[in-house]
């Protein structure tokens, strides 16, 4: 049987500020969020303002490839 192509896909969001500036030496990683998006309504990469616990402020989180 053929696999059904769902409209909803999983999107991983990563902090763009941590990537550009480099993470603080004290922190252990880069802030990431997992969400879902509708492939038909949002074909472009997703960008949302989320809280980054490593930067301690709200920053733009962009979608990355799996």
PDB file of N, CA and C in Angstrom:
ATOM      1  N   UNK A   1       0.820  -1.170   0.000  1.00  0.00           N
ATOM      2  CA  UNK A   1       0.000   0.000   0.000  1.00  0.00           C
ATOM      3  C   UNK A   1       0.876   1.250   0.000  1.00  0.00           C
ATOM      4  N   UNK A   2       0.458   2.275  -0.723  1.00  0.00           N
ATOM      5  CA  UNK A   2       1.223   3.514  -0.804  1.00  0.00           C
ATOM      6  C   UNK A   2       1.106   4.310   0.496  1.00  0.00           C
ATOM      7  N   UNK A   3       2.174   5.014   0.823  1.00  0.00           N
ATOM      8  CA  UNK A   3       2.183   5.821   2.033  1.00  0.00           C
ATOM      9  C   UNK A   3       1.491   7.149   1.755  1.00  0.00           C
ATOM     10  N   UNK A   4       0.595   7.547   2.643  1.00  0.00           N
ATOM     11  CA  UNK A   4      -0.160   8.786   2.478  1.00  0.00           C
ATOM     12  C   UNK A   4       0.731   9.986   2.801  1.00  0.00           C
ATOM     13  N   UNK A   5       0.697  11.015   1.955  1.00  0.00           N
ATOM     14  CA  UNK A   5       1.472  12.227   2.204  1.00  0.00           C
ATOM     15  C   UNK A   5       0.637  13.161   3.058  1.00  0.00           C
ATOM     16  N   UNK A   6       1.030  13.296   4.306  1.00  0.00           N
ATOM     17  CA  UNK A   6       0.307  14.161   5.233  1.00  0.00           C
ATOM     18  C   UNK A   6       0.676  15.617   5.003  1.00  0.00           C
ATOM     19  N   UNK A   7      -0.268  16.497   5.313  1.00  0.00           N
ATOM     20  CA  UNK A   7      -0.019  17.925   5.190  1.00  0.00           C
ATOM     21  C   UNK A   7       0.810  18.423   6.368  1.00  0.00           C
ATOM     22  N   UNK A   8       0.685  17.765   7.524  1.00  0.00           N
ATOM     23  CA  UNK A   8       1.414  18.183   8.723  1.00  0.00           C
ATOM     24  C   UNK A   8       2.773  17.492   8.791  1.00  0.00           C
ATOM     25  N   UNK A   9       3.811  18.296   8.998  1.00  0.00           N
ATOM     26  CA  UNK A   9       5.161  17.767   9.145  1.00  0.00           C
ATOM     27  C   UNK A   9       5.792  18.342  10.416  1.00  0.00           C
ATOM     28  N   UNK A  10       6.759  17.631  10.967  1.00  0.00           N
ATOM     29  CA  UNK A  10       7.465  18.085  12.163  1.00  0.00           C
ATOM     30  C   UNK A  10       8.543  19.075  11.761  1.00  0.00           C
ATOM     31  N   UNK A  11       8.610  20.204  12.479  1.00  0.00           N
ATOM     32  CA  UNK A  11       9.617  21.230  12.216  1.00  0.00           C
ATOM     33  C   UNK A  11      10.427  21.448  13.493  1.00  0.00           C
ATOM     34  N   UNK A  12      11.753  21.490  13.349  1.00  0.00           N
ATOM     35  CA  UNK A  12      12.638  21.753  14.486  1.00  0.00           C
ATOM     36  C   UNK A  12      13.126  23.189  14.371  1.00  0.00           C
ATOM     37  N   UNK A  13      12.907  23.971  15.435  1.00  0.00           N
ATOM     38  CA  UNK A  13      13.311  25.373  15.462  1.00  0.00           C
ATOM     39  C   UNK A  13      14.550  25.519  16.336  1.00  0.00           C
ATOM     40  N   UNK A  14      15.540  26.271  15.831  1.00  0.00           N
ATOM     41  CA  UNK A  14      16.797  26.460  16.553  1.00  0.00           C
ATOM     42  C   UNK A  14      17.095  27.941  16.683  1.00  0.00           C
ATOM     43  N   UNK A  15      17.645  28.351  17.807  1.00  0.00           N
ATOM     44  CA  UNK A  15      17.945  29.755  18.081  1.00  0.00           C
ATOM     45  C   UNK A  15      18.978  30.284  17.087  1.00  0.00           C
ATOM     46  N   UNK A  16      18.655  31.366  16.397  1.00  0.00           N
ATOM     47  CA  UNK A  16      19.587  31.949  15.434  1.00  0.00           C
ATOM     48  C   UNK A  16      20.619  32.823  16.123  1.00  0.00           C
ATOM     49  N   UNK A  17      20.303  33.347  17.278  1.00  0.00           N
ATOM     50  CA  UNK A  17      21.238  34.197  18.014  1.00  0.00           C
ATOM     51  C   UNK A  17      22.407  33.374  18.570  1.00  0.00           C
ATOM     52  N   UNK A  18      22.147  32.210  19.082  1.00  0.00           N
ATOM     53  CA  UNK A  18      23.207  31.345  19.622  1.00  0.00           C
ATOM     54  C   UNK A  18      24.156  30.891  18.516  1.00  0.00           C
ATOM     55  N   UNK A  19      23.623  30.659  17.333  1.00  0.00           N
ATOM     56  CA  UNK A  19      24.442  30.188  16.221  1.00  0.00           C
ATOM     57  C   UNK A  19      25.401  31.283  15.771  1.00  0.00           C
ATOM     58  N   UNK A  20      24.891  32.504  15.630  1.00  0.00           N
ATOM     59  CA  UNK A  20      25.710  33.607  15.139  1.00  0.00           C
ATOM     60  C   UNK A  20      26.766  34.034  16.151  1.00  0.00           C
ATOM     61  N   UNK A  21      26.365  34.222  17.407  1.00  0.00           N
ATOM     62  CA  UNK A  21      27.258  34.777  18.417  1.00  0.00           C
ATOM     63  C   UNK A  21      28.087  33.721  19.138  1.00  0.00           C
ATOM     64  N   UNK A  22      27.770  32.474  18.952  1.00  0.00           N
ATOM     65  CA  UNK A  22      28.452  31.420  19.711  1.00  0.00           C
ATOM     66  C   UNK A  22      27.818  31.333  21.084  1.00  0.00           C
ATOM     67  N   UNK A  23      27.724  30.156  21.594  1.00  0.00           N
ATOM     68  CA  UNK A  23      27.065  29.940  22.879  1.00  0.00           C
ATOM     69  C   UNK A  23      28.036  30.282  24.007  1.00  0.00           C
ATOM     70  N   UNK A  24      27.486  30.777  25.117  1.00  0.00           N
ATOM     71  CA  UNK A  24      28.315  31.082  26.287  1.00  0.00           C
ATOM     72  C   UNK A  24      29.051  29.834  26.745  1.00  0.00           C
ATOM     73  N   UNK A  25      30.199  30.012  27.344  1.00  0.00           N
ATOM     74  CA  UNK A  25      31.001  28.877  27.775  1.00  0.00           C
ATOM     75  C   UNK A  25      30.313  28.074  28.878  1.00  0.00           C
ATOM     76  N   UNK A  26      29.436  28.721  29.642  1.00  0.00           N
ATOM     77  CA  UNK A  26      28.769  28.066  30.758  1.00  0.00           C
ATOM     78  C   UNK A  26      27.649  27.149  30.273  1.00  0.00           C
ATOM     79  N   UNK A  27      27.008  27.499  29.148  1.00  0.00           N
ATOM     80  CA  UNK A  27      25.847  26.742  28.691  1.00  0.00           C
ATOM     81  C   UNK A  27      26.264  25.431  28.037  1.00  0.00           C
ATOM     82  N   UNK A  28      25.292  24.542  27.894  1.00  0.00           N
ATOM     83  CA  UNK A  28      25.580  23.203  27.393  1.00  0.00           C
ATOM     84  C   UNK A  28      25.107  22.975  25.965  1.00  0.00           C
ATOM     85  N   UNK A  29      24.425  23.921  25.344  1.00  0.00           N
ATOM     86  CA  UNK A  29      23.945  23.679  24.001  1.00  0.00           C
ATOM     87  C   UNK A  29      23.223  24.843  23.395  1.00  0.00           C
ATOM     88  N   UNK A  30      22.424  24.547  22.375  1.00  0.00           N
ATOM     89  CA  UNK A  30      21.652  25.548  21.645  1.00  0.00           C
ATOM     90  C   UNK A  30      20.183  25.266  21.873  1.00  0.00           C
ATOM     91  N   UNK A  31      19.397  26.335  22.071  1.00  0.00           N
ATOM     92  CA  UNK A  31      17.968  26.200  22.338  1.00  0.00           C
ATOM     93  C   UNK A  31      17.249  25.656  21.106  1.00  0.00           C
ATOM     94  N   UNK A  32      16.452  24.602  21.297  1.00  0.00           N
ATOM     95  CA  UNK A  32      15.675  24.018  20.202  1.00  0.00           C
ATOM     96  C   UNK A  32      14.247  23.763  20.652  1.00  0.00           C
ATOM     97  N   UNK A  33      13.309  23.955  19.731  1.00  0.00           N
ATOM     98  CA  UNK A  33      11.899  23.664  19.958  1.00  0.00           C
ATOM     99  C   UNK A  33      11.423  22.745  18.847  1.00  0.00           C
ATOM    100  N   UNK A  34      10.461  21.889  19.146  1.00  0.00           N
ATOM    101  CA  UNK A  34       9.853  21.016  18.140  1.00  0.00           C
ATOM    102  C   UNK A  34       8.391  21.404  18.013  1.00  0.00           C
ATOM    103  N   UNK A  35       7.936  21.616  16.777  1.00  0.00           N
ATOM    104  CA  UNK A  35       6.553  21.988  16.515  1.00  0.00           C
ATOM    105  C   UNK A  35       6.112  21.332  15.214  1.00  0.00           C
ATOM    106  N   UNK A  36       4.870  21.566  14.831  1.00  0.00           N
ATOM    107  CA  UNK A  36       4.355  21.049  13.568  1.00  0.00           C
ATOM    108  C   UNK A  36       3.898  22.203  12.697  1.00  0.00           C
ATOM    109  N   UNK A  37       4.001  22.020  11.388  1.00  0.00           N
ATOM    110  CA  UNK A  37       3.507  23.029  10.466  1.00  0.00           C
ATOM    111  C   UNK A  37       2.771  22.347   9.326  1.00  0.00           C
ATOM    112  N   UNK A  38       1.876  23.092   8.698  1.00  0.00           N
ATOM    113  CA  UNK A  38       1.143  22.588   7.546  1.00  0.00           C
ATOM    114  C   UNK A  38       1.961  22.871   6.299  1.00  0.00           C
ATOM    115  N   UNK A  39       2.359  21.830   5.621  1.00  0.00           N
ATOM    116  CA  UNK A  39       3.228  21.943   4.451  1.00  0.00           C
ATOM    117  C   UNK A  39       2.575  22.740   3.318  1.00  0.00           C
ATOM    118  N   UNK A  40       1.255  22.643   3.173  1.00  0.00           N
ATOM    119  CA  UNK A  40       0.558  23.326   2.076  1.00  0.00           C
ATOM    120  C   UNK A  40       0.386  24.819   2.355  1.00  0.00           C
ATOM    121  N   UNK A  41       0.100  25.192   3.599  1.00  0.00           N
ATOM    122  CA  UNK A  41      -0.103  26.601   3.946  1.00  0.00           C
ATOM    123  C   UNK A  41       1.204  27.344   4.166  1.00  0.00           C
ATOM    124  N   UNK A  42       2.248  26.655   4.624  1.00  0.00           N
ATOM    125  CA  UNK A  42       3.531  27.281   4.936  1.00  0.00           C
ATOM    126  C   UNK A  42       4.656  26.519   4.239  1.00  0.00           C
ATOM    127  N   UNK A  43       4.852  26.740   2.943  1.00  0.00           N
ATOM    128  CA  UNK A  43       5.902  25.994   2.236  1.00  0.00           C
ATOM    129  C   UNK A  43       7.310  26.502   2.561  1.00  0.00           C
ATOM    130  N   UNK A  44       7.442  27.757   3.003  1.00  0.00           N
ATOM    131  CA  UNK A  44       8.752  28.327   3.325  1.00  0.00           C
ATOM    132  C   UNK A  44       9.196  27.899   4.720  1.00  0.00           C
ATOM    133  N   UNK A  45      10.435  28.223   5.047  1.00  0.00           N
ATOM    134  CA  UNK A  45      10.953  27.913   6.385  1.00  0.00           C
ATOM    135  C   UNK A  45      10.238  28.749   7.433  1.00  0.00           C
ATOM    136  N   UNK A  46       9.985  28.139   8.571  1.00  0.00           N
ATOM    137  CA  UNK A  46       9.255  28.765   9.655  1.00  0.00           C
ATOM    138  C   UNK A  46      10.218  29.521  10.570  1.00  0.00           C
ATOM    139  N   UNK A  47       9.813  30.740  11.001  1.00  0.00           N
ATOM    140  CA  UNK A  47      10.589  31.521  11.965  1.00  0.00           C
ATOM    141  C   UNK A  47       9.637  32.067  13.015  1.00  0.00           C
ATOM    142  N   UNK A  48       9.923  31.769  14.290  1.00  0.00           N
ATOM    143  CA  UNK A  48       9.085  32.220  15.388  1.00  0.00           C
ATOM    144  C   UNK A  48       9.954  32.831  16.482  1.00  0.00           C
ATOM    145  N   UNK A  49       9.368  33.795  17.221  1.00  0.00           N
ATOM    146  CA  UNK A  49      10.062  34.358  18.383  1.00  0.00           C
ATOM    147  C   UNK A  49       9.762  33.476  19.587  1.00  0.00           C
ATOM    148  N   UNK A  50      10.805  32.869  20.138  1.00  0.00           N
ATOM    149  CA  UNK A  50      10.673  31.983  21.285  1.00  0.00           C
ATOM    150  C   UNK A  50      11.719  32.379  22.330  1.00  0.00           C
ATOM    151  N   UNK A  51      11.540  31.885  23.558  1.00  0.00           N
ATOM    152  CA  UNK A  51      12.493  32.177  24.621  1.00  0.00           C
ATOM    153  C   UNK A  51      13.671  31.212  24.541  1.00  0.00           C
ATOM    154  N   UNK A  52      14.874  31.772  24.538  1.00  0.00           N
ATOM    155  CA  UNK A  52      16.098  30.974  24.547  1.00  0.00           C
ATOM    156  C   UNK A  52      16.664  31.005  25.960  1.00  0.00           C
ATOM    157  N   UNK A  53      16.755  29.858  26.595  1.00  0.00           N
ATOM    158  CA  UNK A  53      17.230  29.830  27.975  1.00  0.00           C
ATOM    159  C   UNK A  53      18.727  30.055  28.071  1.00  0.00           C
ATOM    160  N   UNK A  54      19.471  29.884  26.974  1.00  0.00           N
ATOM    161  CA  UNK A  54      20.902  30.119  26.990  1.00  0.00           C
ATOM    162  C   UNK A  54      21.229  31.601  26.801  1.00  0.00           C
ATOM    163  N   UNK A  55      20.422  32.307  25.999  1.00  0.00           N
ATOM    164  CA  UNK A  55      20.594  33.751  25.813  1.00  0.00           C
ATOM    165  C   UNK A  55      19.848  34.532  26.896  1.00  0.00           C
ATOM    166  N   UNK A  56      18.913  33.892  27.556  1.00  0.00           N
ATOM    167  CA  UNK A  56      18.052  34.487  28.591  1.00  0.00           C
ATOM    168  C   UNK A  56      17.197  35.626  28.052  1.00  0.00           C
ATOM    169  N   UNK A  57      16.708  35.486  26.815  1.00  0.00           N
ATOM    170  CA  UNK A  57      15.813  36.473  26.220  1.00  0.00           C
ATOM    171  C   UNK A  57      15.059  35.838  25.055  1.00  0.00           C
ATOM    172  N   UNK A  58      14.049  36.559  24.576  1.00  0.00           N
ATOM    173  CA  UNK A  58      13.287  36.099  23.419  1.00  0.00           C
ATOM    174  C   UNK A  58      14.081  36.396  22.151  1.00  0.00           C
ATOM    175  N   UNK A  59      14.291  35.371  21.325  1.00  0.00           N
ATOM    176  CA  UNK A  59      15.033  35.521  20.082  1.00  0.00           C
ATOM    177  C   UNK A  59      14.278  34.825  18.960  1.00  0.00           C
ATOM    178  N   UNK A  60      14.732  35.028  17.742  1.00  0.00           N
ATOM    179  CA  UNK A  60      14.118  34.371  16.588  1.00  0.00           C
ATOM    180  C   UNK A  60      14.685  32.963  16.472  1.00  0.00           C
ATOM    181  N   UNK A  61      13.789  32.004  16.377  1.00  0.00           N
ATOM    182  CA  UNK A  61      14.162  30.605  16.186  1.00  0.00           C
ATOM    183  C   UNK A  61      13.754  30.217  14.767  1.00  0.00           C
ATOM    184  N   UNK A  62      14.695  29.734  13.977  1.00  0.00           N
ATOM    185  CA  UNK A  62      14.446  29.355  12.589  1.00  0.00           C
ATOM    186  C   UNK A  62      14.414  27.850  12.406  1.00  0.00           C
ATOM    187  N   UNK A  63      13.715  27.419  11.384  1.00  0.00           N
ATOM    188  CA  UNK A  63      13.582  25.995  11.098  1.00  0.00           C
ATOM    189  C   UNK A  63      14.884  25.441  10.533  1.00  0.00           C
ATOM    190  N   UNK A  64      15.260  24.240  10.976  1.00  0.00           N
ATOM    191  CA  UNK A  64      16.453  23.580  10.476  1.00  0.00           C
ATOM    192  C   UNK A  64      16.054  22.265   9.829  1.00  0.00           C
ATOM    193  N   UNK A  65      16.957  21.689   9.037  1.00  0.00           N
ATOM    194  CA  UNK A  65      16.725  20.379   8.430  1.00  0.00           C
ATOM    195  C   UNK A  65      16.948  19.290   9.465  1.00  0.00           C
ATOM    196  N   UNK A  66      16.278  18.174   9.294  1.00  0.00           N
ATOM    197  CA  UNK A  66      16.417  17.052  10.214  1.00  0.00           C
ATOM    198  C   UNK A  66      17.713  16.337   9.982  1.00  0.00           C
TER     199      UNK A  66
END
